[in-house]
Amino acid sequence: MATVDHIEALKMKHASLEQAIDQENTRPHPDDDAICSLKKRKLMIKDQIARLSSSETSH
């Protein structure tokens, strides 16, 4: 998979996690553990995007 395609796929996952966090926050009694887990996954994906983007621009 090309790096650009991989970055785009990660961006889609990141947006999906953002949507899941928003949905959980709108519930009457949000699950803080679930939100924390989603945010951690979102941050890991953001870090991957940053690493891949910086390696893409250095080539």
Protein backbone atom coordinates (compact mmCIF):
# COMPACT_ATOMS: atom_id res chain seq x y z
CA MET A 1 0.00 0.00 0.00
CA ALA A 2 1.36 3.39 -0.94
CA THR A 3 2.15 5.71 1.93
CA VAL A 4 -0.37 8.31 0.75
CA ASP A 5 -3.12 5.68 0.61
CA HIS A 6 -2.17 4.46 4.07
CA ILE A 7 -2.32 8.01 5.45
CA GLU A 8 -5.77 8.50 3.91
CA ALA A 9 -7.00 5.25 5.46
CA LEU A 10 -5.67 6.35 8.85
CA LYS A 11 -7.40 9.72 8.47
CA MET A 12 -10.68 7.91 7.84
CA LYS A 13 -10.18 5.79 10.98
CA HIS A 14 -9.33 8.95 12.93
CA ALA A 15 -12.56 10.61 11.77
CA SER A 16 -14.53 7.49 12.64
CA LEU A 17 -13.11 7.48 16.17
CA GLU A 18 -13.93 11.17 16.52
CA GLN A 19 -17.51 10.40 15.55
CA ALA A 20 -17.66 7.53 18.07
CA ILE A 21 -16.38 9.84 20.82
CA ASP A 22 -19.00 12.44 19.94
CA GLN A 23 -21.75 9.81 20.01
CA GLU A 24 -20.63 8.53 23.39
CA ASN A 25 -20.52 12.06 24.79
CA THR A 26 -24.10 12.74 23.71
CA ARG A 27 -25.46 9.75 25.64
CA PRO A 28 -27.29 10.50 28.90
CA HIS A 29 -24.59 8.67 30.91
CA PRO A 30 -21.38 8.55 28.84
CA ASP A 31 -18.95 5.73 29.57
CA ASP A 32 -15.75 7.48 30.60
CA ASP A 33 -13.67 4.31 30.15
CA ALA A 34 -14.93 3.90 26.59
CA ILE A 35 -14.22 7.55 25.81
CA CYS A 36 -10.71 7.24 27.24
CA SER A 37 -10.04 4.14 25.16
CA LEU A 38 -11.34 5.80 21.99
CA LYS A 39 -9.23 8.89 22.62
CA LYS A 40 -6.09 6.77 23.12
CA ARG A 41 -6.72 4.93 19.85
CA LYS A 42 -7.34 8.26 18.10
CA LEU A 43 -4.08 9.66 19.45
CA MET A 44 -2.12 6.60 18.31
CA ILE A 45 -3.55 7.01 14.81
CA LYS A 46 -2.72 10.73 14.86
CA ASP A 47 0.88 9.86 15.78
CA GLN A 48 1.05 7.32 12.94
CA ILE A 49 -0.24 9.92 10.49
CA ALA A 50 2.37 12.41 11.69
CA ARG A 51 5.20 9.86 11.35
CA LEU A 52 4.12 8.78 7.89
CA SER A 53 3.59 12.37 6.74
CA SER A 54 7.04 13.42 7.91
CA SER A 55 8.69 10.42 6.25
CA GLU A 56 6.73 11.11 3.04
CA THR A 57 7.93 14.73 2.91
CA SER A 58 11.55 13.78 3.64
CA HIS A 59 11.73 11.57 0.52
